[in-house]
Amino acid sequence: MGRRLPVRISRDVLGCTTTPPESRIGIVMEDQDSLRKVSLLNRYVQSLCGLYSRVARQLNVDRSYVSRVARGERRSEQIEQALSSEFTRIMNENEAQPMQPMQE
């Protein structure tokens, strides 16, 4: 068996670039749309977290039951209506907020 040479991985490959930010402006401009989408997605995810728990508290039922109704494993018109209303409220709330630019 031959001797193996050590493998060197550049810092750029690992994402630890030493390129100054001002020289990455072109890359940043190209990624602005992606960053805005990620920011919006993050806002929706944060808003939706706790959706089942809020509905469960409103209707005085177990959160797992709300989850099963949402997945279609169980049927409850009251829970379906509450989920729909809460989801609509969240969507309207998020659409009303201006999209914040991402911070570096």
N, C-alpha and C. Protein backbone atom coordinates (compact mmCIF):
# COMPACT_ATOMS: atom_id res chain seq x y z
N MET A 1 0.85 -1.16 0.00
CA MET A 1 0.00 0.00 0.00
C MET A 1 0.90 1.22 0.00
N GLY A 2 0.58 2.18 -0.89
CA GLY A 2 1.38 3.39 -1.00
C GLY A 2 1.04 4.41 0.07
N ARG A 3 1.91 5.34 0.20
CA ARG A 3 1.70 6.41 1.19
C ARG A 3 0.73 7.45 0.64
N ARG A 4 -0.23 7.82 1.41
CA ARG A 4 -1.22 8.81 0.99
C ARG A 4 -0.72 10.21 1.27
N LEU A 5 -0.96 11.10 0.34
CA LEU A 5 -0.61 12.49 0.55
C LEU A 5 -1.77 13.17 1.26
N PRO A 6 -1.47 14.11 2.14
CA PRO A 6 -2.56 14.82 2.83
C PRO A 6 -3.38 15.63 1.83
N VAL A 7 -4.69 15.63 2.03
CA VAL A 7 -5.59 16.39 1.17
C VAL A 7 -5.80 17.75 1.80
N ARG A 8 -5.62 18.78 1.02
CA ARG A 8 -5.84 20.15 1.52
C ARG A 8 -7.11 20.68 0.90
N ILE A 9 -7.96 21.19 1.72
CA ILE A 9 -9.22 21.78 1.26
C ILE A 9 -9.12 23.28 1.46
N SER A 10 -9.40 24.01 0.40
CA SER A 10 -9.28 25.46 0.51
C SER A 10 -10.38 26.02 1.41
N ARG A 11 -10.11 27.15 1.97
CA ARG A 11 -11.08 27.80 2.85
C ARG A 11 -12.33 28.21 2.07
N ASP A 12 -12.19 28.53 0.77
CA ASP A 12 -13.35 28.90 -0.03
C ASP A 12 -14.31 27.73 -0.17
N VAL A 13 -13.81 26.52 -0.33
CA VAL A 13 -14.65 25.34 -0.46
C VAL A 13 -15.47 25.13 0.82
N LEU A 14 -14.88 25.43 1.95
CA LEU A 14 -15.57 25.25 3.22
C LEU A 14 -16.49 26.42 3.57
N GLY A 15 -16.52 27.45 2.71
CA GLY A 15 -17.35 28.61 2.99
C GLY A 15 -16.70 29.57 3.96
N CYS A 16 -15.42 29.44 4.19
CA CYS A 16 -14.69 30.32 5.10
C CYS A 16 -13.82 31.27 4.29
N THR A 17 -14.41 31.87 3.32
CA THR A 17 -13.64 32.73 2.42
C THR A 17 -13.09 33.95 3.14
N THR A 18 -11.95 34.37 2.69
CA THR A 18 -11.35 35.57 3.27
C THR A 18 -11.53 36.75 2.33
N THR A 19 -12.36 36.58 1.29
CA THR A 19 -12.63 37.66 0.36
C THR A 19 -13.38 38.77 1.08
N PRO A 20 -12.93 40.01 0.97
CA PRO A 20 -13.63 41.09 1.67
C PRO A 20 -15.05 41.27 1.13
N PRO A 21 -15.98 41.68 1.98
CA PRO A 21 -17.38 41.81 1.57
C PRO A 21 -17.59 42.70 0.36
N GLU A 22 -16.81 43.78 0.24
CA GLU A 22 -17.03 44.69 -0.89
C GLU A 22 -16.75 44.05 -2.23
N SER A 23 -15.93 43.02 -2.27
CA SER A 23 -15.66 42.34 -3.54
C SER A 23 -16.70 41.26 -3.82
N ARG A 24 -17.59 41.00 -2.87
CA ARG A 24 -18.65 40.00 -3.08
C ARG A 24 -19.97 40.65 -3.41
N ILE A 25 -19.99 41.94 -3.73
CA ILE A 25 -21.24 42.67 -3.96
C ILE A 25 -22.03 42.06 -5.10
N GLY A 26 -21.38 41.65 -6.18
CA GLY A 26 -22.09 41.03 -7.29
C GLY A 26 -22.83 39.78 -6.86
N ILE A 27 -22.19 38.99 -6.04
CA ILE A 27 -22.81 37.77 -5.54
C ILE A 27 -23.99 38.13 -4.65
N VAL A 28 -23.81 39.12 -3.80
CA VAL A 28 -24.87 39.54 -2.88
C VAL A 28 -26.07 40.04 -3.66
N MET A 29 -25.86 40.81 -4.72
CA MET A 29 -26.97 41.34 -5.51
C MET A 29 -27.75 40.20 -6.17
N GLU A 30 -27.03 39.18 -6.67
CA GLU A 30 -27.69 38.05 -7.29
C GLU A 30 -28.53 37.27 -6.28
N ASP A 31 -28.09 37.25 -5.05
CA ASP A 31 -28.76 36.45 -4.03
C ASP A 31 -29.85 37.21 -3.28
N GLN A 32 -30.04 38.49 -3.58
CA GLN A 32 -31.04 39.27 -2.84
C GLN A 32 -32.43 38.66 -2.95
N ASP A 33 -32.81 38.23 -4.16
CA ASP A 33 -34.14 37.64 -4.33
C ASP A 33 -34.28 36.37 -3.50
N SER A 34 -33.25 35.55 -3.52
CA SER A 34 -33.28 34.33 -2.72
C SER A 34 -33.35 34.65 -1.23
N LEU A 35 -32.60 35.64 -0.80
CA LEU A 35 -32.61 36.02 0.61
C LEU A 35 -33.97 36.54 1.03
N ARG A 36 -34.61 37.31 0.16
CA ARG A 36 -35.95 37.81 0.48
C ARG A 36 -36.94 36.65 0.61
N LYS A 37 -36.82 35.68 -0.29
CA LYS A 37 -37.72 34.52 -0.23
C LYS A 37 -37.50 33.73 1.05
N VAL A 38 -36.26 33.55 1.43
CA VAL A 38 -35.95 32.82 2.66
C VAL A 38 -36.48 33.59 3.87
N SER A 39 -36.33 34.91 3.84
CA SER A 39 -36.84 35.74 4.92
C SER A 39 -38.36 35.60 5.05
N LEU A 40 -39.04 35.63 3.93
CA LEU A 40 -40.50 35.50 3.93
C LEU A 40 -40.90 34.11 4.42
N LEU A 41 -40.21 33.09 3.94
CA LEU A 41 -40.49 31.73 4.39
C LEU A 41 -40.29 31.61 5.90
N ASN A 42 -39.21 32.18 6.40
CA ASN A 42 -38.93 32.14 7.83
C ASN A 42 -40.06 32.82 8.62
N ARG A 43 -40.54 33.95 8.12
CA ARG A 43 -41.63 34.65 8.80
C ARG A 43 -42.89 33.78 8.84
N TYR A 44 -43.21 33.11 7.72
CA TYR A 44 -44.38 32.23 7.70
C TYR A 44 -44.21 31.06 8.65
N VAL A 45 -43.05 30.47 8.66
CA VAL A 45 -42.79 29.32 9.54
C VAL A 45 -42.96 29.74 11.00
N GLN A 46 -42.38 30.89 11.36
CA GLN A 46 -42.51 31.36 12.74
C GLN A 46 -43.96 31.64 13.09
N SER A 47 -44.71 32.19 12.15
CA SER A 47 -46.12 32.48 12.40
C SER A 47 -46.94 31.21 12.54
N LEU A 48 -46.60 30.19 11.77
CA LEU A 48 -47.37 28.95 11.80
C LEU A 48 -47.02 28.06 12.99
N CYS A 49 -45.84 28.28 13.56
CA CYS A 49 -45.48 27.50 14.75
C CYS A 49 -46.50 27.76 15.84
N GLY A 50 -47.01 26.72 16.40
CA GLY A 50 -48.00 26.88 17.46
C GLY A 50 -49.43 26.94 16.96
N LEU A 51 -49.63 26.81 15.66
CA LEU A 51 -50.98 26.87 15.10
C LEU A 51 -51.89 25.83 15.73
N TYR A 52 -51.45 24.58 15.78
CA TYR A 52 -52.26 23.51 16.36
C TYR A 52 -52.53 23.76 17.83
N SER A 53 -51.52 24.24 18.55
CA SER A 53 -51.70 24.51 19.98
C SER A 53 -52.70 25.63 20.22
N ARG A 54 -52.63 26.69 19.40
CA ARG A 54 -53.59 27.79 19.56
C ARG A 54 -55.02 27.31 19.31
N VAL A 55 -55.20 26.54 18.24
CA VAL A 55 -56.53 26.02 17.93
C VAL A 55 -57.00 25.08 19.04
N ALA A 56 -56.13 24.24 19.53
CA ALA A 56 -56.49 23.30 20.61
C ALA A 56 -56.93 24.07 21.86
N ARG A 57 -56.21 25.13 22.20
CA ARG A 57 -56.60 25.94 23.38
C ARG A 57 -57.95 26.61 23.16
N GLN A 58 -58.17 27.16 21.96
CA GLN A 58 -59.43 27.83 21.66
C GLN A 58 -60.62 26.88 21.80
N LEU A 59 -60.43 25.64 21.38
CA LEU A 59 -61.54 24.68 21.37
C LEU A 59 -61.53 23.71 22.55
N ASN A 60 -60.53 23.86 23.41
CA ASN A 60 -60.39 23.02 24.59
C ASN A 60 -60.32 21.53 24.21
N VAL A 61 -59.44 21.25 23.23
CA VAL A 61 -59.19 19.86 22.82
C VAL A 61 -57.69 19.62 22.86
N ASP A 62 -57.30 18.36 22.71
CA ASP A 62 -55.88 18.01 22.72
C ASP A 62 -55.21 18.42 21.41
N ARG A 63 -53.99 18.89 21.52
CA ARG A 63 -53.23 19.33 20.36
C ARG A 63 -53.05 18.20 19.35
N SER A 64 -52.83 17.00 19.84
CA SER A 64 -52.63 15.86 18.94
C SER A 64 -53.89 15.57 18.12
N TYR A 65 -55.05 15.84 18.70
CA TYR A 65 -56.30 15.64 17.95
C TYR A 65 -56.40 16.66 16.81
N VAL A 66 -56.01 17.90 17.10
CA VAL A 66 -55.99 18.95 16.07
C VAL A 66 -55.03 18.54 14.96
N SER A 67 -53.89 18.01 15.32
CA SER A 67 -52.90 17.55 14.35
C SER A 67 -53.47 16.44 13.46
N ARG A 68 -54.18 15.50 14.07
CA ARG A 68 -54.77 14.39 13.31
C ARG A 68 -55.85 14.88 12.34
N VAL A 69 -56.62 15.87 12.79
CA VAL A 69 -57.63 16.45 11.90
C VAL A 69 -56.94 17.16 10.73
N ALA A 70 -55.88 17.90 11.02
CA ALA A 70 -55.16 18.62 9.97
C ALA A 70 -54.54 17.66 8.95
N ARG A 71 -54.09 16.49 9.40
CA ARG A 71 -53.50 15.49 8.50
C ARG A 71 -54.56 14.67 7.77
N GLY A 72 -55.83 14.84 8.15
CA GLY A 72 -56.91 14.10 7.50
C GLY A 72 -57.19 12.74 8.10
N GLU A 73 -56.57 12.43 9.23
CA GLU A 73 -56.79 11.14 9.88
C GLU A 73 -58.10 11.11 10.65
N ARG A 74 -58.57 12.27 11.06
CA ARG A 74 -59.83 12.41 11.79
C ARG A 74 -60.63 13.53 11.13
N ARG A 75 -61.93 13.57 11.42
CA ARG A 75 -62.79 14.62 10.87
C ARG A 75 -63.44 15.39 12.01
N SER A 76 -63.36 16.71 11.92
CA SER A 76 -64.06 17.58 12.86
C SER A 76 -64.28 18.91 12.14
N GLU A 77 -65.52 19.18 11.81
CA GLU A 77 -65.84 20.41 11.09
C GLU A 77 -65.43 21.64 11.91
N GLN A 78 -65.64 21.58 13.22
CA GLN A 78 -65.29 22.70 14.09
C GLN A 78 -63.78 22.96 14.07
N ILE A 79 -62.98 21.91 14.16
CA ILE A 79 -61.52 22.08 14.15
C ILE A 79 -61.04 22.51 12.77
N GLU A 80 -61.61 21.94 11.71
CA GLU A 80 -61.23 22.33 10.36
C GLU A 80 -61.50 23.82 10.14
N GLN A 81 -62.65 24.28 10.61
CA GLN A 81 -63.00 25.70 10.48
C GLN A 81 -62.04 26.58 11.27
N ALA A 82 -61.70 26.17 12.48
CA ALA A 82 -60.77 26.94 13.31
C ALA A 82 -59.38 26.98 12.68
N LEU A 83 -58.92 25.85 12.14
CA LEU A 83 -57.62 25.82 11.45
C LEU A 83 -57.62 26.76 10.25
N SER A 84 -58.68 26.71 9.49
CA SER A 84 -58.80 27.56 8.30
C SER A 84 -58.79 29.04 8.68
N SER A 85 -59.55 29.38 9.71
CA SER A 85 -59.62 30.77 10.16
C SER A 85 -58.27 31.27 10.67
N GLU A 86 -57.61 30.44 11.46
CA GLU A 86 -56.31 30.81 12.02
C GLU A 86 -55.27 30.96 10.91
N PHE A 87 -55.31 30.04 9.95
CA PHE A 87 -54.37 30.11 8.83
C PHE A 87 -54.60 31.39 8.02
N THR A 88 -55.85 31.72 7.74
CA THR A 88 -56.18 32.93 7.00
C THR A 88 -55.70 34.17 7.76
N ARG A 89 -55.90 34.18 9.08
CA ARG A 89 -55.44 35.30 9.89
C ARG A 89 -53.93 35.47 9.78
N ILE A 90 -53.20 34.36 9.86
CA ILE A 90 -51.73 34.40 9.78
C ILE A 90 -51.30 34.91 8.42
N MET A 91 -51.90 34.41 7.36
CA MET A 91 -51.53 34.83 6.01
C MET A 91 -51.79 36.32 5.81
N ASN A 92 -52.94 36.79 6.26
CA ASN A 92 -53.26 38.21 6.13
C ASN A 92 -52.30 39.08 6.94
N GLU A 93 -51.96 38.62 8.11
CA GLU A 93 -51.03 39.35 8.98
C GLU A 93 -49.65 39.46 8.34
N ASN A 94 -49.18 38.39 7.74
CA ASN A 94 -47.86 38.38 7.12
C ASN A 94 -47.83 39.18 5.82
N GLU A 95 -48.91 39.15 5.06
CA GLU A 95 -48.96 39.91 3.82
C GLU A 95 -48.99 41.41 4.09
N ALA A 96 -49.53 41.80 5.24
CA ALA A 96 -49.62 43.21 5.59
C ALA A 96 -48.28 43.79 6.03
N GLN A 97 -47.38 42.92 6.48
CA GLN A 97 -46.05 43.38 6.94
C GLN A 97 -45.12 43.51 5.76
N PRO A 98 -44.39 44.65 5.68
CA PRO A 98 -43.41 44.79 4.60
C PRO A 98 -42.27 43.81 4.80
N MET A 99 -41.71 43.32 3.70
CA MET A 99 -40.62 42.37 3.77
C MET A 99 -39.36 43.10 4.19
N GLN A 100 -38.73 42.60 5.23
CA GLN A 100 -37.51 43.21 5.76
C GLN A 100 -36.30 42.69 4.99
N PRO A 101 -35.34 43.57 4.66
CA PRO A 101 -34.13 43.08 4.01
C PRO A 101 -33.32 42.22 4.99
N MET A 102 -32.60 41.25 4.44
CA MET A 102 -31.77 40.38 5.26
C MET A 102 -30.54 41.15 5.73
N GLN A 103 -30.13 40.91 6.95
CA GLN A 103 -28.92 41.49 7.50
C GLN A 103 -27.77 40.55 7.26
N GLU A 104 -26.59 41.07 6.91
CA GLU A 104 -25.40 40.22 6.76
C GLU A 104 -24.73 40.05 8.07
